[in-house]
Amino acid sequence: MNQSEPIIISPEQPGSSGKDSLRPLKTMTTVIYALQAASFFVGVTLFVAIVFNYLKRDEVRGTWLESHFRWQIRTFWYGMLWTGIGIITYLLLIGYLILFANYIWMIYRVAKGWLNLAEGKPMDFRPYRQRG
């Protein structure tokens, strides 16, 4: 582990502040996933979600919830990137495919993150072959 990687403290580890103190932050993380999911029907909620991510990011730093915030923020920015590429290539007809693939990818990201959150698991970013 290098010095730039955060130390993730799960609620079950000794020395953590405990489940009760993280409960409001876990609720906020759940609300952000709900806003991301709602964006499939009302697009503006995705922008509300990213604002909450950036406003609350310092509060989750060093906890297992930090990985969820990173996951949510990356979902937003990569989703915006591929939406932009899809819109630009829309007239070339490949844009339809790009927008559809992006839509499915975002559904996957929201569902996977929300399920891990419900199970109390952080998002793991290591490649599969490195997991121990």
Protein backbone atom coordinates (compact mmCIF):
# COMPACT_ATOMS: atom_id res chain seq x y z
CA MET A 1 0.00 0.00 0.00
CA ASN A 2 1.39 3.41 -0.86
CA GLN A 3 0.88 6.58 1.14
CA SER A 4 -1.70 8.06 -1.23
CA GLU A 5 -4.16 5.20 -0.69
CA PRO A 6 -6.67 5.85 2.09
CA ILE A 7 -6.95 3.42 4.96
CA ILE A 8 -10.45 2.01 4.87
CA ILE A 9 -11.91 1.37 8.31
CA SER A 10 -14.94 -0.87 8.39
CA PRO A 11 -17.42 -0.54 11.26
CA GLU A 12 -16.44 -4.00 12.50
CA GLN A 13 -12.75 -3.17 12.95
CA PRO A 14 -11.39 -2.23 16.36
CA GLY A 15 -10.64 1.44 16.68
CA SER A 16 -13.41 2.52 14.33
CA SER A 17 -16.01 4.94 15.49
CA GLY A 18 -18.67 2.23 15.33
CA LYS A 19 -21.77 1.54 13.31
CA ASP A 20 -23.95 4.09 15.07
CA SER A 21 -21.72 7.04 14.27
CA LEU A 22 -21.62 6.06 10.58
CA ARG A 23 -25.36 5.54 10.31
CA PRO A 24 -26.16 9.09 9.08
CA LEU A 25 -23.38 8.84 6.49
CA LYS A 26 -24.60 5.42 5.36
CA THR A 27 -28.09 6.90 5.03
CA MET A 28 -26.66 9.75 2.94
CA THR A 29 -24.85 7.22 0.74
CA THR A 30 -28.14 5.36 0.28
CA VAL A 31 -29.91 8.60 -0.65
CA ILE A 32 -27.22 9.30 -3.25
CA TYR A 33 -27.70 5.85 -4.80
CA ALA A 34 -31.47 6.50 -4.82
CA LEU A 35 -30.93 9.85 -6.55
CA GLN A 36 -28.70 8.17 -9.12
CA ALA A 37 -31.36 5.51 -9.72
CA ALA A 38 -34.09 8.16 -9.99
CA SER A 39 -32.05 9.88 -12.68
CA PHE A 40 -33.07 7.16 -15.13
CA PHE A 41 -36.51 8.77 -15.02
CA VAL A 42 -35.73 12.35 -13.92
CA GLY A 43 -32.25 13.26 -15.13
CA VAL A 44 -31.72 16.23 -12.82
CA THR A 45 -31.42 14.00 -9.75
CA LEU A 46 -28.05 12.76 -11.02
CA PHE A 47 -26.71 16.31 -10.64
CA VAL A 48 -28.21 16.62 -7.16
CA ALA A 49 -26.47 13.35 -6.23
CA ILE A 50 -23.04 14.53 -7.38
CA VAL A 51 -23.41 17.77 -5.42
CA PHE A 52 -24.10 15.73 -2.27
CA ASN A 53 -21.09 13.52 -3.06
CA TYR A 54 -18.75 16.48 -3.14
CA LEU A 55 -20.33 18.23 -0.14
CA LYS A 56 -20.09 15.15 2.12
CA ARG A 57 -16.87 13.63 0.78
CA ASP A 58 -14.67 14.90 3.63
CA GLU A 59 -17.04 13.39 6.22
CA VAL A 60 -16.60 9.85 4.86
CA ARG A 61 -12.83 10.08 4.35
CA GLY A 62 -11.07 7.19 6.09
CA THR A 63 -14.20 5.08 6.45
CA TRP A 64 -15.44 2.20 4.33
CA LEU A 65 -18.05 4.57 2.90
CA GLU A 66 -15.32 6.55 1.15
CA SER A 67 -15.06 3.78 -1.45
CA HIS A 68 -18.78 4.16 -2.20
CA PHE A 69 -18.40 7.90 -2.69
CA ARG A 70 -15.50 7.30 -5.07
CA TRP A 71 -17.65 4.72 -6.92
CA GLN A 72 -20.57 7.16 -7.16
CA ILE A 73 -18.40 10.05 -8.35
CA ARG A 74 -16.73 7.89 -11.00
CA THR A 75 -20.13 6.61 -12.11
CA PHE A 76 -21.25 10.20 -12.64
CA TRP A 77 -18.17 11.42 -14.53
CA TYR A 78 -17.74 8.38 -16.76
CA GLY A 79 -21.48 8.39 -17.40
CA MET A 80 -21.25 12.04 -18.47
CA LEU A 81 -18.27 11.28 -20.69
CA TRP A 82 -20.03 8.45 -22.52
CA THR A 83 -23.28 10.42 -22.73
CA GLY A 84 -21.37 13.24 -24.41
CA ILE A 85 -19.68 10.84 -26.84
CA GLY A 86 -23.06 9.23 -27.55
CA ILE A 87 -24.68 12.59 -28.26
CA ILE A 88 -21.83 13.69 -30.51
CA THR A 89 -22.01 10.45 -32.52
CA TYR A 90 -25.81 10.28 -32.46
CA LEU A 91 -26.15 11.30 -36.10
CA LEU A 92 -23.67 8.62 -37.12
CA LEU A 93 -26.06 6.03 -35.65
CA ILE A 94 -23.32 4.58 -33.42
CA GLY A 95 -24.45 7.08 -30.81
CA TYR A 96 -27.56 4.98 -30.21
CA LEU A 97 -25.39 2.02 -29.27
CA ILE A 98 -23.10 4.12 -27.09
CA LEU A 99 -26.03 5.70 -25.23
CA PHE A 100 -27.69 2.32 -24.72
CA ALA A 101 -24.46 0.72 -23.45
CA ASN A 102 -23.89 3.67 -21.11
CA TYR A 103 -27.44 3.35 -19.77
CA ILE A 104 -26.92 -0.35 -18.99
CA TRP A 105 -23.47 0.34 -17.47
CA MET A 106 -24.91 3.02 -15.18
CA ILE A 107 -27.71 0.71 -14.04
CA TYR A 108 -25.06 -1.90 -13.22
CA ARG A 109 -22.94 0.61 -11.27
CA VAL A 110 -25.85 1.90 -9.20
CA ALA A 111 -27.16 -1.61 -8.48
CA LYS A 112 -23.75 -3.08 -7.57
CA GLY A 113 -22.89 -0.15 -5.32
CA TRP A 114 -26.26 -0.12 -3.60
CA LEU A 115 -26.14 -3.88 -2.97
CA ASN A 116 -22.64 -3.67 -1.50
CA LEU A 117 -23.74 -0.78 0.70
CA ALA A 118 -26.74 -2.77 1.96
CA GLU A 119 -24.39 -5.64 2.85
CA GLY A 120 -21.99 -3.29 4.63
CA LYS A 121 -19.20 -3.94 2.14
CA PRO A 122 -16.86 -1.34 0.67
CA MET A 123 -16.36 -1.15 -3.07
CA ASP A 124 -13.19 -3.06 -3.99
CA PHE A 125 -11.15 -1.56 -6.81
CA ARG A 126 -8.32 -4.09 -6.97
CA PRO A 127 -8.18 -6.34 -10.02
CA TYR A 128 -9.59 -9.82 -9.39
CA ARG A 129 -6.22 -11.54 -9.63
CA GLN A 130 -4.83 -9.42 -6.79
CA ARG A 131 -7.61 -10.09 -4.29
CA GLY A 132 -6.49 -12.12 -1.37
